[in-house]
Amino acid sequence: MAVNLSRNGPALMEAYKQVLDGKVNTNWALFTYEGNSNEIRLAEKGDGGLEEMVEELNSGKVMYAFCRVQDPNSGLPKYVLINWTGEGVKDSRKGVCANHVSSMATFLRGAHVTINARSEDDVEPDEVLQKVSRASGASFNFHKNTESRDAPRGPVGSVYPGQDLSEAERGRGARERAAGKRGERMEH
């Protein structure tokens, strides 16, 4: 049986768009099923971040969370889709709802990271942010590692011990090479 997103469509779309909109404080929306049907409804939304959203997850339900978080690497907003199947959900219901995951991902498009979760350990805020960090690929914190760049350096010397030339010897060698090249050009 297909998931029904049309019955509560306007409320679902409004909550989704609020999470996407950086000008609105809402940074998560939680969706679940209407009773034992396949109709999706808005369960809750909030502006308290992952910590607040995790408290709303129900171990007896299948739920979908769409969250806006800040990428620890770049500081840019990233979106996370959490497919929650609580540990108390019956196996038959898990099977039916497993077919809805791709439809929900299509509806809640734009997620940078998708997490399939069964317990609160799977959605610990630190764990979620770590997954977002790994997914972003680039690390923009190179300016934080200044130890190797700013470490005092020793004197630079010749790789040939005992072959250091004085200032006069270096100048004479350059003059001789230049004179030799002039002489080569004259011979041709």
N, C-alpha and C. Protein backbone atom coordinates (compact mmCIF):
# COMPACT_ATOMS: atom_id res chain seq x y z
N MET A 1 0.84 -1.18 0.00
CA MET A 1 0.00 0.00 0.00
C MET A 1 0.89 1.25 0.00
N ALA A 2 0.57 2.20 -0.84
CA ALA A 2 1.36 3.43 -0.98
C ALA A 2 1.10 4.38 0.18
N VAL A 3 2.09 5.21 0.44
CA VAL A 3 1.95 6.22 1.49
C VAL A 3 1.07 7.36 0.95
N ASN A 4 0.24 7.92 1.82
CA ASN A 4 -0.67 8.99 1.42
C ASN A 4 -0.16 10.32 1.98
N LEU A 5 0.34 11.16 1.10
CA LEU A 5 0.84 12.48 1.49
C LEU A 5 -0.15 13.60 1.14
N SER A 6 -1.25 13.25 0.48
CA SER A 6 -2.15 14.29 -0.01
C SER A 6 -3.19 14.73 1.02
N ARG A 7 -3.66 13.85 1.87
CA ARG A 7 -4.73 14.22 2.82
C ARG A 7 -4.31 15.39 3.69
N ASN A 8 -3.10 15.35 4.23
CA ASN A 8 -2.59 16.43 5.09
C ASN A 8 -1.52 17.24 4.36
N GLY A 9 -1.53 17.18 3.04
CA GLY A 9 -0.50 17.79 2.21
C GLY A 9 -0.11 19.22 2.55
N PRO A 10 -1.07 20.15 2.67
CA PRO A 10 -0.69 21.54 2.96
C PRO A 10 0.07 21.70 4.28
N ALA A 11 -0.35 21.00 5.33
CA ALA A 11 0.34 21.11 6.63
C ALA A 11 1.73 20.48 6.55
N LEU A 12 1.85 19.37 5.82
CA LEU A 12 3.15 18.72 5.66
C LEU A 12 4.11 19.63 4.90
N MET A 13 3.62 20.20 3.81
CA MET A 13 4.46 21.05 2.97
C MET A 13 4.88 22.32 3.72
N GLU A 14 3.97 22.89 4.49
CA GLU A 14 4.30 24.10 5.24
C GLU A 14 5.40 23.83 6.27
N ALA A 15 5.29 22.73 7.00
CA ALA A 15 6.31 22.38 8.00
C ALA A 15 7.66 22.12 7.32
N TYR A 16 7.64 21.42 6.21
CA TYR A 16 8.87 21.12 5.45
C TYR A 16 9.53 22.42 4.99
N LYS A 17 8.75 23.33 4.44
CA LYS A 17 9.30 24.59 3.94
C LYS A 17 9.83 25.47 5.07
N GLN A 18 9.21 25.40 6.25
CA GLN A 18 9.71 26.17 7.39
C GLN A 18 11.09 25.70 7.81
N VAL A 19 11.33 24.40 7.75
CA VAL A 19 12.65 23.87 8.10
C VAL A 19 13.68 24.33 7.06
N LEU A 20 13.29 24.34 5.80
CA LEU A 20 14.21 24.78 4.74
C LEU A 20 14.53 26.27 4.83
N ASP A 21 13.58 27.06 5.29
CA ASP A 21 13.72 28.52 5.32
C ASP A 21 14.59 28.94 6.50
N GLY A 22 15.78 29.43 6.22
CA GLY A 22 16.69 29.86 7.27
C GLY A 22 16.23 31.10 8.02
N LYS A 23 15.22 31.81 7.50
CA LYS A 23 14.73 33.02 8.15
C LYS A 23 13.71 32.70 9.24
N VAL A 24 13.21 31.47 9.26
CA VAL A 24 12.23 31.03 10.25
C VAL A 24 12.98 30.21 11.30
N ASN A 25 12.57 30.31 12.55
CA ASN A 25 13.26 29.60 13.63
C ASN A 25 13.04 28.09 13.61
N THR A 26 11.98 27.62 12.98
CA THR A 26 11.69 26.18 12.95
C THR A 26 12.86 25.46 12.29
N ASN A 27 13.47 24.52 13.04
CA ASN A 27 14.61 23.80 12.47
C ASN A 27 14.41 22.28 12.44
N TRP A 28 13.22 21.83 12.78
CA TRP A 28 12.91 20.41 12.62
C TRP A 28 11.40 20.22 12.52
N ALA A 29 11.04 19.16 11.81
CA ALA A 29 9.63 18.76 11.69
C ALA A 29 9.59 17.24 11.77
N LEU A 30 8.60 16.74 12.47
CA LEU A 30 8.46 15.31 12.69
C LEU A 30 7.13 14.85 12.11
N PHE A 31 7.18 13.82 11.29
CA PHE A 31 5.99 13.31 10.61
C PHE A 31 5.75 11.87 11.04
N THR A 32 4.49 11.47 11.13
CA THR A 32 4.15 10.10 11.50
C THR A 32 2.87 9.70 10.78
N TYR A 33 2.38 8.51 11.08
CA TYR A 33 1.18 7.99 10.44
C TYR A 33 -0.05 8.31 11.26
N GLU A 34 -1.16 8.50 10.56
CA GLU A 34 -2.46 8.71 11.18
C GLU A 34 -2.95 7.34 11.64
N GLY A 35 -2.86 7.06 12.94
CA GLY A 35 -3.26 5.75 13.46
C GLY A 35 -2.49 4.62 12.80
N ASN A 36 -3.22 3.60 12.32
CA ASN A 36 -2.59 2.46 11.65
C ASN A 36 -2.72 2.57 10.14
N SER A 37 -3.09 3.75 9.66
CA SER A 37 -3.26 3.96 8.22
C SER A 37 -1.92 4.28 7.57
N ASN A 38 -1.95 4.55 6.28
CA ASN A 38 -0.75 4.95 5.56
C ASN A 38 -0.76 6.45 5.26
N GLU A 39 -1.59 7.19 5.97
CA GLU A 39 -1.68 8.63 5.80
C GLU A 39 -0.68 9.32 6.73
N ILE A 40 0.17 10.15 6.14
CA ILE A 40 1.18 10.87 6.93
C ILE A 40 0.56 12.16 7.47
N ARG A 41 0.89 12.46 8.71
CA ARG A 41 0.46 13.71 9.33
C ARG A 41 1.65 14.35 10.03
N LEU A 42 1.55 15.64 10.29
CA LEU A 42 2.58 16.35 11.05
C LEU A 42 2.40 15.99 12.52
N ALA A 43 3.44 15.44 13.13
CA ALA A 43 3.37 15.09 14.55
C ALA A 43 3.77 16.29 15.41
N GLU A 44 4.84 16.97 15.01
CA GLU A 44 5.36 18.08 15.81
C GLU A 44 6.40 18.82 14.99
N LYS A 45 6.65 20.06 15.36
CA LYS A 45 7.76 20.83 14.79
C LYS A 45 8.29 21.72 15.89
N GLY A 46 9.53 22.17 15.72
CA GLY A 46 10.12 22.99 16.78
C GLY A 46 11.35 23.73 16.34
N ASP A 47 11.88 24.52 17.28
CA ASP A 47 13.07 25.32 17.00
C ASP A 47 14.18 25.04 18.00
N GLY A 48 14.08 23.93 18.72
CA GLY A 48 15.07 23.59 19.74
C GLY A 48 16.17 22.66 19.28
N GLY A 49 16.29 22.44 17.99
CA GLY A 49 17.37 21.62 17.46
C GLY A 49 17.16 20.13 17.66
N LEU A 50 18.22 19.39 17.40
CA LEU A 50 18.17 17.93 17.48
C LEU A 50 17.79 17.44 18.87
N GLU A 51 18.28 18.13 19.90
CA GLU A 51 18.00 17.71 21.27
C GLU A 51 16.50 17.67 21.52
N GLU A 52 15.80 18.70 21.09
CA GLU A 52 14.35 18.78 21.28
C GLU A 52 13.63 17.74 20.43
N MET A 53 14.07 17.58 19.19
CA MET A 53 13.42 16.65 18.28
C MET A 53 13.52 15.21 18.78
N VAL A 54 14.68 14.83 19.30
CA VAL A 54 14.89 13.46 19.78
C VAL A 54 13.91 13.13 20.90
N GLU A 55 13.57 14.10 21.72
CA GLU A 55 12.63 13.87 22.82
C GLU A 55 11.23 13.53 22.32
N GLU A 56 10.90 13.92 21.10
CA GLU A 56 9.57 13.69 20.55
C GLU A 56 9.43 12.33 19.85
N LEU A 57 10.54 11.64 19.61
CA LEU A 57 10.47 10.34 18.95
C LEU A 57 9.79 9.33 19.87
N ASN A 58 8.95 8.49 19.29
CA ASN A 58 8.16 7.52 20.04
C ASN A 58 8.63 6.12 19.67
N SER A 59 9.00 5.32 20.66
CA SER A 59 9.54 3.98 20.38
C SER A 59 8.49 3.02 19.84
N GLY A 60 7.22 3.39 19.89
CA GLY A 60 6.16 2.53 19.37
C GLY A 60 5.66 2.94 18.00
N LYS A 61 6.34 3.90 17.36
CA LYS A 61 5.86 4.42 16.07
C LYS A 61 6.95 4.44 15.01
N VAL A 62 6.48 4.52 13.76
CA VAL A 62 7.36 4.81 12.63
C VAL A 62 7.20 6.29 12.37
N MET A 63 8.33 7.01 12.32
CA MET A 63 8.29 8.46 12.15
C MET A 63 9.39 8.89 11.18
N TYR A 64 9.23 10.10 10.66
CA TYR A 64 10.21 10.68 9.75
C TYR A 64 10.51 12.09 10.24
N ALA A 65 11.78 12.38 10.46
CA ALA A 65 12.18 13.71 10.93
C ALA A 65 13.00 14.38 9.84
N PHE A 66 12.73 15.66 9.65
CA PHE A 66 13.52 16.47 8.71
C PHE A 66 14.07 17.63 9.53
N CYS A 67 15.41 17.75 9.59
CA CYS A 67 16.06 18.71 10.49
C CYS A 67 17.06 19.57 9.74
N ARG A 68 17.18 20.81 10.20
CA ARG A 68 18.23 21.72 9.70
C ARG A 68 19.27 21.82 10.80
N VAL A 69 20.53 21.52 10.45
CA VAL A 69 21.64 21.61 11.41
C VAL A 69 22.75 22.44 10.77
N GLN A 70 23.70 22.83 11.59
CA GLN A 70 24.84 23.58 11.08
C GLN A 70 26.01 22.63 10.90
N ASP A 71 26.57 22.62 9.69
CA ASP A 71 27.72 21.77 9.39
C ASP A 71 28.90 22.22 10.24
N PRO A 72 29.47 21.31 11.06
CA PRO A 72 30.61 21.69 11.90
C PRO A 72 31.83 22.13 11.10
N ASN A 73 31.97 21.67 9.86
CA ASN A 73 33.13 22.02 9.05
C ASN A 73 33.01 23.39 8.41
N SER A 74 31.87 23.64 7.78
CA SER A 74 31.73 24.86 6.99
C SER A 74 30.86 25.92 7.64
N GLY A 75 30.06 25.54 8.63
CA GLY A 75 29.13 26.48 9.25
C GLY A 75 27.88 26.70 8.42
N LEU A 76 27.75 26.00 7.30
CA LEU A 76 26.60 26.14 6.42
C LEU A 76 25.45 25.26 6.90
N PRO A 77 24.21 25.62 6.58
CA PRO A 77 23.08 24.76 6.97
C PRO A 77 23.07 23.48 6.14
N LYS A 78 22.81 22.38 6.82
CA LYS A 78 22.67 21.08 6.16
C LYS A 78 21.37 20.47 6.65
N TYR A 79 20.81 19.58 5.84
CA TYR A 79 19.52 18.98 6.15
C TYR A 79 19.68 17.48 6.36
N VAL A 80 19.01 16.98 7.39
CA VAL A 80 19.11 15.58 7.78
C VAL A 80 17.72 14.97 7.75
N LEU A 81 17.59 13.82 7.12
CA LEU A 81 16.36 13.04 7.13
C LEU A 81 16.58 11.83 8.02
N ILE A 82 15.73 11.68 9.01
CA ILE A 82 15.83 10.53 9.93
C ILE A 82 14.61 9.65 9.71
N ASN A 83 14.86 8.40 9.32
CA ASN A 83 13.80 7.40 9.19
C ASN A 83 13.77 6.63 10.51
N TRP A 84 12.80 6.92 11.35
CA TRP A 84 12.72 6.34 12.69
C TRP A 84 11.74 5.18 12.70
N THR A 85 12.22 4.02 13.09
CA THR A 85 11.37 2.86 13.32
C THR A 85 11.64 2.42 14.75
N GLY A 86 10.74 2.80 15.64
CA GLY A 86 10.93 2.50 17.06
C GLY A 86 11.02 1.02 17.33
N GLU A 87 11.68 0.67 18.42
CA GLU A 87 11.89 -0.74 18.77
C GLU A 87 10.59 -1.46 19.09
N GLY A 88 9.53 -0.72 19.45
CA GLY A 88 8.25 -1.32 19.80
C GLY A 88 7.30 -1.50 18.63
N VAL A 89 7.72 -1.16 17.42
CA VAL A 89 6.86 -1.29 16.24
C VAL A 89 6.77 -2.77 15.84
N LYS A 90 5.54 -3.22 15.53
CA LYS A 90 5.33 -4.62 15.12
C LYS A 90 6.02 -4.88 13.78
N ASP A 91 6.48 -6.11 13.62
CA ASP A 91 7.20 -6.49 12.40
C ASP A 91 6.36 -6.28 11.14
N SER A 92 5.08 -6.59 11.21
CA SER A 92 4.23 -6.41 10.03
C SER A 92 4.15 -4.94 9.63
N ARG A 93 4.10 -4.05 10.62
CA ARG A 93 4.04 -2.61 10.34
C ARG A 93 5.39 -2.13 9.79
N LYS A 94 6.48 -2.67 10.31
CA LYS A 94 7.81 -2.32 9.81
C LYS A 94 7.92 -2.64 8.32
N GLY A 95 7.40 -3.79 7.93
CA GLY A 95 7.47 -4.21 6.54
C GLY A 95 6.69 -3.29 5.62
N VAL A 96 5.49 -2.90 6.05
CA VAL A 96 4.66 -1.99 5.24
C VAL A 96 5.34 -0.63 5.11
N CYS A 97 5.83 -0.11 6.23
CA CYS A 97 6.41 1.24 6.24
C CYS A 97 7.78 1.30 5.56
N ALA A 98 8.47 0.18 5.50
CA ALA A 98 9.78 0.17 4.82
C ALA A 98 9.63 0.55 3.35
N ASN A 99 8.48 0.25 2.78
CA ASN A 99 8.22 0.61 1.38
C ASN A 99 7.96 2.10 1.20
N HIS A 100 7.74 2.83 2.28
CA HIS A 100 7.42 4.25 2.21
C HIS A 100 8.65 5.15 2.32
N VAL A 101 9.79 4.58 2.67
CA VAL A 101 11.00 5.38 2.91
C VAL A 101 11.39 6.18 1.67
N SER A 102 11.36 5.56 0.50
CA SER A 102 11.77 6.29 -0.71
C SER A 102 10.77 7.39 -1.05
N SER A 103 9.48 7.16 -0.82
CA SER A 103 8.47 8.20 -1.07
C SER A 103 8.67 9.38 -0.13
N MET A 104 8.99 9.10 1.12
CA MET A 104 9.22 10.18 2.08
C MET A 104 10.50 10.94 1.73
N ALA A 105 11.53 10.23 1.27
CA ALA A 105 12.78 10.89 0.87
C ALA A 105 12.54 11.79 -0.34
N THR A 106 11.65 11.38 -1.23
CA THR A 106 11.31 12.21 -2.39
C THR A 106 10.55 13.45 -1.94
N PHE A 107 9.60 13.26 -1.03
CA PHE A 107 8.82 14.39 -0.53
C PHE A 107 9.70 15.36 0.26
N LEU A 108 10.55 14.83 1.12
CA LEU A 108 11.44 15.65 1.96
C LEU A 108 12.81 15.75 1.27
N ARG A 109 12.79 16.16 0.02
CA ARG A 109 14.02 16.21 -0.78
C ARG A 109 14.95 17.31 -0.26
N GLY A 110 16.22 17.12 -0.56
CA GLY A 110 17.21 18.11 -0.15
C GLY A 110 18.05 17.68 1.04
N ALA A 111 17.81 16.47 1.54
CA ALA A 111 18.58 15.99 2.69
C ALA A 111 20.01 15.68 2.26
N HIS A 112 20.97 16.18 3.03
CA HIS A 112 22.39 15.89 2.79
C HIS A 112 22.78 14.56 3.40
N VAL A 113 22.10 14.19 4.49
CA VAL A 113 22.39 12.95 5.21
C VAL A 113 21.07 12.27 5.54
N THR A 114 21.00 10.96 5.34
CA THR A 114 19.83 10.18 5.73
C THR A 114 20.27 9.16 6.76
N ILE A 115 19.54 9.09 7.86
CA ILE A 115 19.88 8.18 8.95
C ILE A 115 18.69 7.26 9.20
N ASN A 116 18.94 5.96 9.21
CA ASN A 116 17.93 4.98 9.59
C ASN A 116 18.15 4.66 11.05
N ALA A 117 17.17 4.97 11.89
CA ALA A 117 17.36 4.86 13.33
C ALA A 117 16.30 3.97 13.97
N ARG A 118 16.73 3.24 15.01
CA ARG A 118 15.82 2.38 15.77
C ARG A 118 15.82 2.74 17.25
N SER A 119 16.88 3.39 17.71
CA SER A 119 16.95 3.76 19.12
C SER A 119 17.51 5.17 19.25
N GLU A 120 17.37 5.73 20.43
CA GLU A 120 17.85 7.10 20.65
C GLU A 120 19.36 7.21 20.48
N ASP A 121 20.08 6.11 20.67
CA ASP A 121 21.53 6.13 20.46
C ASP A 121 21.88 6.45 19.01
N ASP A 122 21.01 6.04 18.08
CA ASP A 122 21.25 6.29 16.66
C ASP A 122 21.08 7.76 16.28
N VAL A 123 20.39 8.52 17.12
CA VAL A 123 20.11 9.92 16.79
C VAL A 123 20.64 10.89 17.85
N GLU A 124 21.66 10.46 18.57
CA GLU A 124 22.31 11.38 19.51
C GLU A 124 22.81 12.58 18.71
N PRO A 125 22.57 13.80 19.17
CA PRO A 125 22.98 14.99 18.41
C PRO A 125 24.45 14.97 17.98
N ASP A 126 25.35 14.55 18.86
CA ASP A 126 26.77 14.51 18.50
C ASP A 126 27.02 13.52 17.36
N GLU A 127 26.34 12.39 17.42
CA GLU A 127 26.48 11.35 16.38
C GLU A 127 25.95 11.87 15.04
N VAL A 128 24.82 12.56 15.06
CA VAL A 128 24.23 13.10 13.83
C VAL A 128 25.17 14.14 13.23
N LEU A 129 25.70 15.04 14.06
CA LEU A 129 26.60 16.08 13.56
C LEU A 129 27.90 15.48 13.01
N GLN A 130 28.35 14.39 13.61
CA GLN A 130 29.55 13.72 13.10
C GLN A 130 29.28 13.14 11.71
N LYS A 131 28.08 12.59 11.50
CA LYS A 131 27.72 12.07 10.18
C LYS A 131 27.62 13.19 9.16
N VAL A 132 27.08 14.33 9.57
CA VAL A 132 27.00 15.49 8.68
C VAL A 132 28.40 15.96 8.32
N SER A 133 29.28 15.99 9.30
CA SER A 133 30.67 16.42 9.08
C SER A 133 31.37 15.50 8.08
N ARG A 134 31.20 14.20 8.24
CA ARG A 134 31.83 13.24 7.32
C ARG A 134 31.24 13.34 5.92
N ALA A 135 29.95 13.64 5.83
CA ALA A 135 29.28 13.71 4.53
C ALA A 135 29.67 14.95 3.75
N SER A 136 30.07 16.01 4.46
CA SER A 136 30.38 17.26 3.75
C SER A 136 31.67 17.14 2.95
N GLY A 137 32.55 16.23 3.34
CA GLY A 137 33.75 15.98 2.56
C GLY A 137 34.87 16.97 2.78
N ALA A 138 34.58 18.23 2.79
CA ALA A 138 35.62 19.25 2.91
C ALA A 138 35.74 19.69 4.36
N SER A 139 36.96 19.94 4.77
CA SER A 139 37.21 20.47 6.10
C SER A 139 37.74 21.88 5.95
N PHE A 140 36.98 22.83 6.46
CA PHE A 140 37.35 24.22 6.32
C PHE A 140 38.03 24.76 7.58
N ASN A 141 38.55 23.87 8.42
CA ASN A 141 39.17 24.32 9.66
C ASN A 141 40.69 24.30 9.58
N PHE A 142 41.25 24.47 8.38
CA PHE A 142 42.70 24.45 8.23
C PHE A 142 43.35 25.61 8.97
N HIS A 143 42.64 26.69 9.16
CA HIS A 143 43.20 27.85 9.87
C HIS A 143 43.37 27.57 11.36
N LYS A 144 42.75 26.51 11.86
CA LYS A 144 42.85 26.19 13.28
C LYS A 144 44.15 25.48 13.62
N ASN A 145 44.76 24.79 12.66
CA ASN A 145 45.98 24.04 12.89
C ASN A 145 47.17 24.92 12.54
N THR A 146 47.66 25.67 13.53
CA THR A 146 48.75 26.61 13.26
C THR A 146 50.09 26.11 13.80
N GLU A 147 50.11 24.98 14.47
CA GLU A 147 51.35 24.48 15.07
C GLU A 147 52.46 24.29 14.04
N SER A 148 52.18 23.55 12.98
CA SER A 148 53.24 23.24 12.03
C SER A 148 53.62 24.46 11.19
N ARG A 149 52.67 25.33 10.92
CA ARG A 149 52.95 26.49 10.08
C ARG A 149 53.75 27.55 10.83
N ASP A 150 53.46 27.74 12.09
CA ASP A 150 54.07 28.82 12.85
C ASP A 150 55.22 28.37 13.75
N ALA A 151 55.62 27.12 13.63
CA ALA A 151 56.71 26.62 14.46
C ALA A 151 58.02 27.27 14.03
N PRO A 152 58.90 27.60 14.98
CA PRO A 152 60.19 28.20 14.61
C PRO A 152 61.00 27.19 13.79
N ARG A 153 61.65 27.70 12.81
CA ARG A 153 62.44 26.84 11.93
C ARG A 153 63.92 27.10 12.15
N GLY A 154 64.72 26.07 11.93
CA GLY A 154 66.17 26.20 12.07
C GLY A 154 66.78 26.85 10.84
N PRO A 155 68.08 27.14 10.90
CA PRO A 155 68.74 27.78 9.76
C PRO A 155 68.78 26.83 8.56
N VAL A 156 68.73 27.40 7.40
CA VAL A 156 68.80 26.62 6.17
C VAL A 156 70.25 26.60 5.72
N GLY A 157 70.79 25.42 5.48
CA GLY A 157 72.19 25.31 5.08
C GLY A 157 72.33 24.47 3.83
N SER A 158 73.56 24.23 3.46
CA SER A 158 73.85 23.44 2.27
C SER A 158 73.67 21.97 2.60
N VAL A 159 73.33 21.20 1.61
CA VAL A 159 73.22 19.76 1.81
C VAL A 159 74.58 19.09 1.67
N TYR A 160 75.60 19.86 1.24
CA TYR A 160 76.95 19.35 1.11
C TYR A 160 77.79 19.92 2.24
N PRO A 161 78.09 19.12 3.24
CA PRO A 161 78.86 19.65 4.38
C PRO A 161 80.23 20.14 3.93
N GLY A 162 80.65 21.26 4.49
CA GLY A 162 81.96 21.80 4.20
C GLY A 162 82.03 22.50 2.85
N GLN A 163 80.96 22.66 2.18
CA GLN A 163 80.96 23.28 0.86
C GLN A 163 80.33 24.67 0.87
N ASP A 164 80.13 25.24 2.04
CA ASP A 164 79.54 26.57 2.10
C ASP A 164 80.52 27.57 1.51
N LEU A 165 80.04 28.40 0.62
CA LEU A 165 80.86 29.39 -0.06
C LEU A 165 80.68 30.75 0.59
N SER A 166 81.77 31.50 0.59
CA SER A 166 81.66 32.87 1.10
C SER A 166 80.96 33.71 0.05
N GLU A 167 80.59 34.92 0.45
CA GLU A 167 79.91 35.86 -0.46
C GLU A 167 80.77 36.13 -1.70
N ALA A 168 82.07 36.31 -1.51
CA ALA A 168 82.97 36.63 -2.62
C ALA A 168 83.09 35.44 -3.59
N GLU A 169 83.19 34.22 -3.02
CA GLU A 169 83.31 33.04 -3.87
C GLU A 169 82.04 32.82 -4.70
N ARG A 170 80.88 33.07 -4.10
CA ARG A 170 79.63 32.92 -4.85
C ARG A 170 79.58 33.91 -6.00
N GLY A 171 80.00 35.13 -5.75
CA GLY A 171 80.00 36.15 -6.80
C GLY A 171 80.96 35.81 -7.93
N ARG A 172 82.16 35.31 -7.55
CA ARG A 172 83.17 34.97 -8.56
C ARG A 172 82.67 33.83 -9.44
N GLY A 173 82.03 32.84 -8.85
CA GLY A 173 81.51 31.71 -9.63
C GLY A 173 80.48 32.16 -10.64
N ALA A 174 79.62 33.06 -10.26
CA ALA A 174 78.59 33.55 -11.17
C ALA A 174 79.23 34.34 -12.31
N ARG A 175 80.30 35.15 -11.99
CA ARG A 175 80.97 35.93 -13.04
C ARG A 175 81.68 35.01 -14.02
N GLU A 176 82.32 33.95 -13.50
CA GLU A 176 83.03 33.02 -14.38
C GLU A 176 82.06 32.28 -15.30
N ARG A 177 80.91 31.88 -14.76
CA ARG A 177 79.92 31.19 -15.59
C ARG A 177 79.41 32.12 -16.68
N ALA A 178 79.16 33.37 -16.31
CA ALA A 178 78.67 34.34 -17.30
C ALA A 178 79.72 34.57 -18.38
N ALA A 179 81.01 34.68 -17.98
CA ALA A 179 82.09 34.91 -18.96
C ALA A 179 82.23 33.70 -19.87
N GLY A 180 82.07 32.51 -19.30
CA GLY A 180 82.17 31.29 -20.10
C GLY A 180 81.07 31.21 -21.14
N LYS A 181 79.89 31.62 -20.82
CA LYS A 181 78.77 31.59 -21.77
C LYS A 181 78.99 32.60 -22.88
N ARG A 182 79.57 33.76 -22.55
CA ARG A 182 79.85 34.75 -23.59
C ARG A 182 80.88 34.20 -24.56
N GLY A 183 81.87 33.50 -24.01
CA GLY A 183 82.92 32.93 -24.85
C GLY A 183 82.36 31.84 -25.76
N GLU A 184 81.42 31.01 -25.25
CA GLU A 184 80.82 29.95 -26.05
C GLU A 184 80.06 30.54 -27.23
N ARG A 185 79.37 31.65 -27.01
CA ARG A 185 78.58 32.26 -28.07
C ARG A 185 79.49 32.80 -29.17
N MET A 186 80.66 33.31 -28.79
CA MET A 186 81.59 33.88 -29.77
C MET A 186 82.17 32.80 -30.66
N GLU A 187 82.42 31.60 -30.13
CA GLU A 187 83.03 30.53 -30.90
C GLU A 187 82.11 30.02 -31.99
N HIS A 188 80.85 30.09 -31.85
CA HIS A 188 79.90 29.55 -32.83
C HIS A 188 79.75 30.47 -33.92
